[in-house]
Amino acid sequence: MRNTKHEHFSGSLVVPVINGDGLVTEVYGRKILGKRLRKGTPQHLYLPGAHQGVWNAATLVDSEEVILCEALIDAMTFWVNGYRNVTASYGTSGFTEDHLTVFKFKQANIKRVLIACNYSPLR
């Protein structure tokens, strides 16, 4: 609940980030109303405070190559199309120590990280 008394994730597809112990460490919300949102309403939402956890971390440890997306909805698009070696930061400034820990984990086989971005040519 926000200070305005509106539910934080109202009108959003909501996805939990669950750690290896089965605990929810982060929640991601993607607004589904598109252009019908009030001006200034963010499309991507997270829980207030510091971000925790890494989505799909268990699969990354076994991968030589990882695809890093900006948002979970982007990563899930890769995942449903067969690219299981994918995760997401929490927005453009959301790469955390948790991500770095997974990427540098001693048993991890990660040799290369591909950064997926939305490219929009200048008009």
N, C-alpha and C. Protein backbone atom coordinates (compact mmCIF):
# COMPACT_ATOMS: atom_id res chain seq x y z
N MET A 1 0.85 -1.18 0.00
CA MET A 1 0.00 0.00 0.00
C MET A 1 0.90 1.24 0.00
N ARG A 2 0.59 2.17 -0.85
CA ARG A 2 1.33 3.43 -0.94
C ARG A 2 0.77 4.45 0.04
N ASN A 3 1.48 5.55 0.20
CA ASN A 3 0.99 6.65 1.04
C ASN A 3 -0.35 7.17 0.55
N THR A 4 -0.60 7.03 -0.76
CA THR A 4 -1.86 7.51 -1.36
C THR A 4 -3.01 6.54 -1.09
N LYS A 5 -2.72 5.42 -0.44
CA LYS A 5 -3.68 4.35 -0.14
C LYS A 5 -4.03 3.50 -1.36
N HIS A 6 -3.31 3.70 -2.47
CA HIS A 6 -3.49 2.85 -3.64
C HIS A 6 -2.58 1.63 -3.51
N GLU A 7 -3.06 0.49 -3.96
CA GLU A 7 -2.26 -0.75 -3.94
C GLU A 7 -1.10 -0.58 -4.92
N HIS A 8 0.11 -0.88 -4.50
CA HIS A 8 1.33 -0.64 -5.29
C HIS A 8 1.31 -1.35 -6.64
N PHE A 9 0.85 -2.59 -6.68
CA PHE A 9 0.90 -3.38 -7.90
C PHE A 9 -0.45 -3.45 -8.63
N SER A 10 -1.38 -2.59 -8.30
CA SER A 10 -2.69 -2.60 -8.95
C SER A 10 -2.54 -2.43 -10.46
N GLY A 11 -3.24 -3.28 -11.22
CA GLY A 11 -3.18 -3.21 -12.68
C GLY A 11 -1.90 -3.77 -13.26
N SER A 12 -1.21 -4.62 -12.49
CA SER A 12 0.08 -5.17 -12.93
C SER A 12 0.07 -6.69 -12.98
N LEU A 13 0.84 -7.23 -13.91
CA LEU A 13 1.22 -8.63 -13.86
C LEU A 13 2.29 -8.69 -12.79
N VAL A 14 2.15 -9.58 -11.80
CA VAL A 14 3.07 -9.61 -10.67
C VAL A 14 3.86 -10.93 -10.67
N VAL A 15 5.19 -10.82 -10.54
CA VAL A 15 6.07 -11.98 -10.57
C VAL A 15 6.98 -11.95 -9.35
N PRO A 16 6.99 -13.03 -8.55
CA PRO A 16 7.93 -13.07 -7.41
C PRO A 16 9.31 -13.55 -7.86
N VAL A 17 10.34 -13.09 -7.18
CA VAL A 17 11.69 -13.63 -7.33
C VAL A 17 11.93 -14.46 -6.09
N ILE A 18 12.19 -15.76 -6.30
CA ILE A 18 12.29 -16.71 -5.19
C ILE A 18 13.72 -17.22 -5.10
N ASN A 19 14.29 -17.20 -3.89
CA ASN A 19 15.67 -17.66 -3.73
C ASN A 19 15.75 -19.18 -3.60
N GLY A 20 16.95 -19.71 -3.45
CA GLY A 20 17.17 -21.15 -3.34
C GLY A 20 16.50 -21.80 -2.16
N ASP A 21 16.14 -21.03 -1.14
CA ASP A 21 15.45 -21.55 0.04
C ASP A 21 13.93 -21.46 -0.10
N GLY A 22 13.45 -21.01 -1.26
CA GLY A 22 12.01 -20.90 -1.48
C GLY A 22 11.38 -19.65 -0.92
N LEU A 23 12.20 -18.67 -0.53
CA LEU A 23 11.68 -17.42 0.02
C LEU A 23 11.57 -16.35 -1.06
N VAL A 24 10.52 -15.56 -1.02
CA VAL A 24 10.36 -14.45 -1.96
C VAL A 24 11.28 -13.32 -1.50
N THR A 25 12.21 -12.92 -2.38
CA THR A 25 13.18 -11.87 -2.04
C THR A 25 12.89 -10.55 -2.74
N GLU A 26 12.07 -10.61 -3.78
CA GLU A 26 11.76 -9.42 -4.58
C GLU A 26 10.43 -9.69 -5.27
N VAL A 27 9.74 -8.62 -5.63
CA VAL A 27 8.50 -8.73 -6.40
C VAL A 27 8.58 -7.72 -7.54
N TYR A 28 8.24 -8.18 -8.74
CA TYR A 28 8.24 -7.34 -9.94
C TYR A 28 6.81 -7.19 -10.44
N GLY A 29 6.45 -6.00 -10.84
CA GLY A 29 5.13 -5.76 -11.43
C GLY A 29 5.27 -5.03 -12.74
N ARG A 30 4.51 -5.46 -13.72
CA ARG A 30 4.50 -4.82 -15.05
C ARG A 30 3.08 -4.36 -15.33
N LYS A 31 2.88 -3.06 -15.47
CA LYS A 31 1.55 -2.52 -15.74
C LYS A 31 1.03 -3.08 -17.07
N ILE A 32 -0.25 -3.42 -17.09
CA ILE A 32 -0.83 -4.04 -18.28
C ILE A 32 -1.81 -3.12 -19.00
N LEU A 33 -2.00 -1.91 -18.53
CA LEU A 33 -2.96 -1.00 -19.14
C LEU A 33 -2.38 -0.20 -20.31
N GLY A 34 -1.08 -0.32 -20.55
CA GLY A 34 -0.46 0.36 -21.68
C GLY A 34 -0.67 1.85 -21.70
N LYS A 35 -1.18 2.37 -22.80
CA LYS A 35 -1.34 3.83 -22.97
C LYS A 35 -2.50 4.40 -22.16
N ARG A 36 -3.27 3.56 -21.50
CA ARG A 36 -4.39 4.04 -20.70
C ARG A 36 -3.97 4.45 -19.28
N LEU A 37 -2.69 4.35 -18.96
CA LEU A 37 -2.19 4.74 -17.64
C LEU A 37 -2.13 6.26 -17.53
N ARG A 38 -2.24 6.75 -16.30
CA ARG A 38 -2.05 8.18 -16.07
C ARG A 38 -0.63 8.57 -16.46
N LYS A 39 -0.48 9.78 -16.97
CA LYS A 39 0.84 10.27 -17.36
C LYS A 39 1.79 10.20 -16.18
N GLY A 40 3.00 9.69 -16.42
CA GLY A 40 4.01 9.58 -15.39
C GLY A 40 3.98 8.28 -14.61
N THR A 41 3.00 7.42 -14.87
CA THR A 41 2.93 6.13 -14.17
C THR A 41 3.99 5.20 -14.73
N PRO A 42 4.84 4.62 -13.89
CA PRO A 42 5.88 3.72 -14.40
C PRO A 42 5.28 2.41 -14.90
N GLN A 43 5.87 1.85 -15.95
CA GLN A 43 5.45 0.55 -16.49
C GLN A 43 5.96 -0.60 -15.63
N HIS A 44 7.15 -0.44 -15.06
CA HIS A 44 7.80 -1.49 -14.28
C HIS A 44 7.86 -1.07 -12.81
N LEU A 45 7.44 -1.95 -11.93
CA LEU A 45 7.44 -1.66 -10.49
C LEU A 45 8.18 -2.75 -9.73
N TYR A 46 8.77 -2.36 -8.63
CA TYR A 46 9.44 -3.30 -7.72
C TYR A 46 9.03 -2.94 -6.30
N LEU A 47 9.35 -3.80 -5.36
CA LEU A 47 9.11 -3.47 -3.97
C LEU A 47 9.95 -2.27 -3.59
N PRO A 48 9.47 -1.42 -2.70
CA PRO A 48 10.29 -0.31 -2.22
C PRO A 48 11.53 -0.84 -1.49
N GLY A 49 12.62 -0.10 -1.55
CA GLY A 49 13.84 -0.50 -0.85
C GLY A 49 14.85 -1.15 -1.77
N ALA A 50 15.90 -1.69 -1.17
CA ALA A 50 16.98 -2.32 -1.93
C ALA A 50 16.50 -3.61 -2.59
N HIS A 51 16.95 -3.84 -3.80
CA HIS A 51 16.60 -5.06 -4.53
C HIS A 51 17.38 -6.24 -3.98
N GLN A 52 16.71 -7.39 -3.94
CA GLN A 52 17.36 -8.61 -3.45
C GLN A 52 17.03 -9.77 -4.36
N GLY A 53 17.98 -10.69 -4.47
CA GLY A 53 17.73 -11.90 -5.24
C GLY A 53 18.03 -11.75 -6.71
N VAL A 54 18.09 -12.89 -7.39
CA VAL A 54 18.35 -12.95 -8.82
C VAL A 54 17.35 -13.93 -9.43
N TRP A 55 16.56 -13.47 -10.37
CA TRP A 55 15.58 -14.33 -11.02
C TRP A 55 16.31 -15.38 -11.87
N ASN A 56 15.93 -16.64 -11.73
CA ASN A 56 16.47 -17.75 -12.50
C ASN A 56 17.94 -18.06 -12.16
N ALA A 57 18.36 -17.76 -10.95
CA ALA A 57 19.76 -17.91 -10.55
C ALA A 57 20.26 -19.36 -10.65
N ALA A 58 19.44 -20.32 -10.28
CA ALA A 58 19.88 -21.72 -10.27
C ALA A 58 20.30 -22.19 -11.67
N THR A 59 19.61 -21.74 -12.70
CA THR A 59 19.95 -22.13 -14.07
C THR A 59 21.23 -21.47 -14.54
N LEU A 60 21.50 -20.26 -14.09
CA LEU A 60 22.66 -19.51 -14.55
C LEU A 60 23.97 -20.17 -14.17
N VAL A 61 24.00 -20.82 -13.02
CA VAL A 61 25.23 -21.43 -12.52
C VAL A 61 25.77 -22.48 -13.50
N ASP A 62 24.87 -23.14 -14.23
CA ASP A 62 25.28 -24.19 -15.17
C ASP A 62 25.53 -23.67 -16.58
N SER A 63 25.43 -22.37 -16.81
CA SER A 63 25.55 -21.80 -18.15
C SER A 63 26.90 -21.15 -18.36
N GLU A 64 27.44 -21.30 -19.58
CA GLU A 64 28.67 -20.60 -19.94
C GLU A 64 28.38 -19.17 -20.36
N GLU A 65 27.16 -18.95 -20.87
CA GLU A 65 26.76 -17.65 -21.38
C GLU A 65 25.43 -17.26 -20.73
N VAL A 66 25.33 -16.01 -20.31
CA VAL A 66 24.12 -15.52 -19.66
C VAL A 66 23.61 -14.32 -20.43
N ILE A 67 22.28 -14.27 -20.62
CA ILE A 67 21.64 -13.11 -21.22
C ILE A 67 21.08 -12.27 -20.08
N LEU A 68 21.50 -11.01 -20.00
CA LEU A 68 21.05 -10.10 -18.94
C LEU A 68 20.11 -9.07 -19.55
N CYS A 69 18.86 -9.06 -19.09
CA CYS A 69 17.85 -8.11 -19.56
C CYS A 69 17.63 -7.03 -18.51
N GLU A 70 16.97 -5.96 -18.93
CA GLU A 70 16.67 -4.86 -18.00
C GLU A 70 15.54 -5.22 -17.05
N ALA A 71 14.49 -5.85 -17.56
CA ALA A 71 13.30 -6.14 -16.74
C ALA A 71 12.94 -7.62 -16.82
N LEU A 72 12.25 -8.09 -15.80
CA LEU A 72 11.86 -9.50 -15.76
C LEU A 72 10.96 -9.89 -16.91
N ILE A 73 10.08 -9.01 -17.36
CA ILE A 73 9.19 -9.34 -18.48
C ILE A 73 10.01 -9.61 -19.73
N ASP A 74 11.11 -8.88 -19.92
CA ASP A 74 12.01 -9.11 -21.05
C ASP A 74 12.69 -10.47 -20.92
N ALA A 75 13.19 -10.77 -19.72
CA ALA A 75 13.86 -12.05 -19.48
C ALA A 75 12.90 -13.22 -19.68
N MET A 76 11.66 -13.05 -19.24
CA MET A 76 10.68 -14.13 -19.40
C MET A 76 10.35 -14.36 -20.87
N THR A 77 10.43 -13.32 -21.69
CA THR A 77 10.21 -13.47 -23.14
C THR A 77 11.30 -14.36 -23.74
N PHE A 78 12.55 -14.15 -23.35
CA PHE A 78 13.63 -15.04 -23.78
C PHE A 78 13.38 -16.46 -23.28
N TRP A 79 13.00 -16.59 -22.00
CA TRP A 79 12.83 -17.89 -21.35
C TRP A 79 11.77 -18.72 -22.06
N VAL A 80 10.62 -18.15 -22.36
CA VAL A 80 9.54 -18.92 -23.01
C VAL A 80 9.89 -19.28 -24.45
N ASN A 81 10.90 -18.62 -25.00
CA ASN A 81 11.35 -18.94 -26.35
C ASN A 81 12.57 -19.86 -26.36
N GLY A 82 12.83 -20.50 -25.21
CA GLY A 82 13.87 -21.53 -25.15
C GLY A 82 15.22 -21.10 -24.63
N TYR A 83 15.41 -19.82 -24.36
CA TYR A 83 16.69 -19.34 -23.83
C TYR A 83 16.61 -19.37 -22.31
N ARG A 84 17.04 -20.47 -21.71
CA ARG A 84 16.91 -20.65 -20.26
C ARG A 84 18.02 -19.94 -19.49
N ASN A 85 19.09 -19.56 -20.17
CA ASN A 85 20.25 -18.90 -19.54
C ASN A 85 20.06 -17.39 -19.48
N VAL A 86 18.94 -16.97 -18.88
CA VAL A 86 18.58 -15.56 -18.88
C VAL A 86 18.20 -15.10 -17.48
N THR A 87 18.48 -13.84 -17.20
CA THR A 87 18.05 -13.21 -15.97
C THR A 87 17.83 -11.73 -16.25
N ALA A 88 17.48 -10.98 -15.21
CA ALA A 88 17.23 -9.55 -15.39
C ALA A 88 17.78 -8.76 -14.21
N SER A 89 18.24 -7.56 -14.53
CA SER A 89 18.55 -6.61 -13.46
C SER A 89 17.23 -5.96 -13.09
N TYR A 90 17.20 -5.12 -12.16
CA TYR A 90 15.98 -4.45 -11.73
C TYR A 90 15.93 -3.05 -12.29
N GLY A 91 15.87 -2.94 -13.61
CA GLY A 91 15.89 -1.65 -14.28
C GLY A 91 17.31 -1.27 -14.69
N THR A 92 17.45 -0.08 -15.23
CA THR A 92 18.75 0.34 -15.77
C THR A 92 19.82 0.52 -14.70
N SER A 93 19.43 0.75 -13.47
CA SER A 93 20.39 0.90 -12.38
C SER A 93 20.23 -0.20 -11.34
N GLY A 94 19.69 -1.34 -11.74
CA GLY A 94 19.32 -2.37 -10.78
C GLY A 94 20.22 -3.58 -10.70
N PHE A 95 21.42 -3.52 -11.29
CA PHE A 95 22.35 -4.64 -11.16
C PHE A 95 22.91 -4.61 -9.74
N THR A 96 22.73 -5.71 -8.99
CA THR A 96 23.04 -5.71 -7.56
C THR A 96 24.24 -6.59 -7.23
N GLU A 97 24.64 -6.52 -5.98
CA GLU A 97 25.68 -7.42 -5.47
C GLU A 97 25.23 -8.88 -5.60
N ASP A 98 23.93 -9.14 -5.45
CA ASP A 98 23.41 -10.50 -5.62
C ASP A 98 23.69 -11.01 -7.04
N HIS A 99 23.52 -10.16 -8.04
CA HIS A 99 23.83 -10.56 -9.42
C HIS A 99 25.32 -10.89 -9.54
N LEU A 100 26.14 -10.00 -9.04
CA LEU A 100 27.59 -10.19 -9.12
C LEU A 100 28.01 -11.48 -8.43
N THR A 101 27.42 -11.77 -7.29
CA THR A 101 27.73 -13.00 -6.55
C THR A 101 27.40 -14.23 -7.39
N VAL A 102 26.23 -14.25 -8.02
CA VAL A 102 25.86 -15.39 -8.87
C VAL A 102 26.80 -15.51 -10.05
N PHE A 103 27.13 -14.40 -10.68
CA PHE A 103 28.00 -14.41 -11.86
C PHE A 103 29.42 -14.84 -11.52
N LYS A 104 29.88 -14.59 -10.29
CA LYS A 104 31.24 -14.92 -9.89
C LYS A 104 31.32 -16.19 -9.03
N PHE A 105 30.19 -16.84 -8.79
CA PHE A 105 30.13 -18.03 -7.94
C PHE A 105 31.18 -19.04 -8.38
N LYS A 106 31.96 -19.58 -7.44
CA LYS A 106 33.10 -20.44 -7.77
C LYS A 106 32.73 -21.64 -8.64
N GLN A 107 31.56 -22.22 -8.41
CA GLN A 107 31.16 -23.37 -9.21
C GLN A 107 30.49 -22.95 -10.53
N ALA A 108 30.23 -21.67 -10.70
CA ALA A 108 29.58 -21.21 -11.93
C ALA A 108 30.52 -21.36 -13.11
N ASN A 109 29.93 -21.62 -14.25
CA ASN A 109 30.69 -21.83 -15.47
C ASN A 109 30.54 -20.63 -16.42
N ILE A 110 30.08 -19.49 -15.91
CA ILE A 110 29.79 -18.33 -16.75
C ILE A 110 31.07 -17.72 -17.29
N LYS A 111 31.14 -17.63 -18.62
CA LYS A 111 32.31 -17.06 -19.28
C LYS A 111 31.97 -15.75 -20.00
N ARG A 112 30.67 -15.57 -20.31
CA ARG A 112 30.28 -14.38 -21.07
C ARG A 112 28.86 -13.96 -20.69
N VAL A 113 28.67 -12.64 -20.56
CA VAL A 113 27.34 -12.08 -20.27
C VAL A 113 26.94 -11.21 -21.46
N LEU A 114 25.80 -11.54 -22.04
CA LEU A 114 25.24 -10.77 -23.15
C LEU A 114 24.19 -9.82 -22.58
N ILE A 115 24.27 -8.56 -22.93
CA ILE A 115 23.32 -7.58 -22.42
C ILE A 115 22.28 -7.32 -23.49
N ALA A 116 21.03 -7.67 -23.19
CA ALA A 116 19.92 -7.45 -24.12
C ALA A 116 19.34 -6.08 -23.83
N CYS A 117 19.15 -5.29 -24.86
CA CYS A 117 18.59 -3.96 -24.66
C CYS A 117 17.58 -3.67 -25.76
N ASN A 118 16.69 -2.76 -25.47
CA ASN A 118 15.74 -2.30 -26.48
C ASN A 118 16.43 -1.20 -27.28
N TYR A 119 16.55 -1.43 -28.55
CA TYR A 119 17.20 -0.44 -29.42
C TYR A 119 16.11 0.36 -30.13
N SER A 120 16.19 1.65 -30.01
CA SER A 120 15.25 2.52 -30.71
C SER A 120 16.05 3.57 -31.45
N PRO A 121 16.11 3.45 -32.78
CA PRO A 121 16.90 4.43 -33.54
C PRO A 121 16.33 5.83 -33.39
N LEU A 122 17.20 6.81 -33.46
CA LEU A 122 16.77 8.21 -33.39
C LEU A 122 15.91 8.53 -34.59
N ARG A 123 14.91 9.32 -34.37
CA ARG A 123 14.00 9.67 -35.49
C ARG A 123 14.28 11.06 -35.99
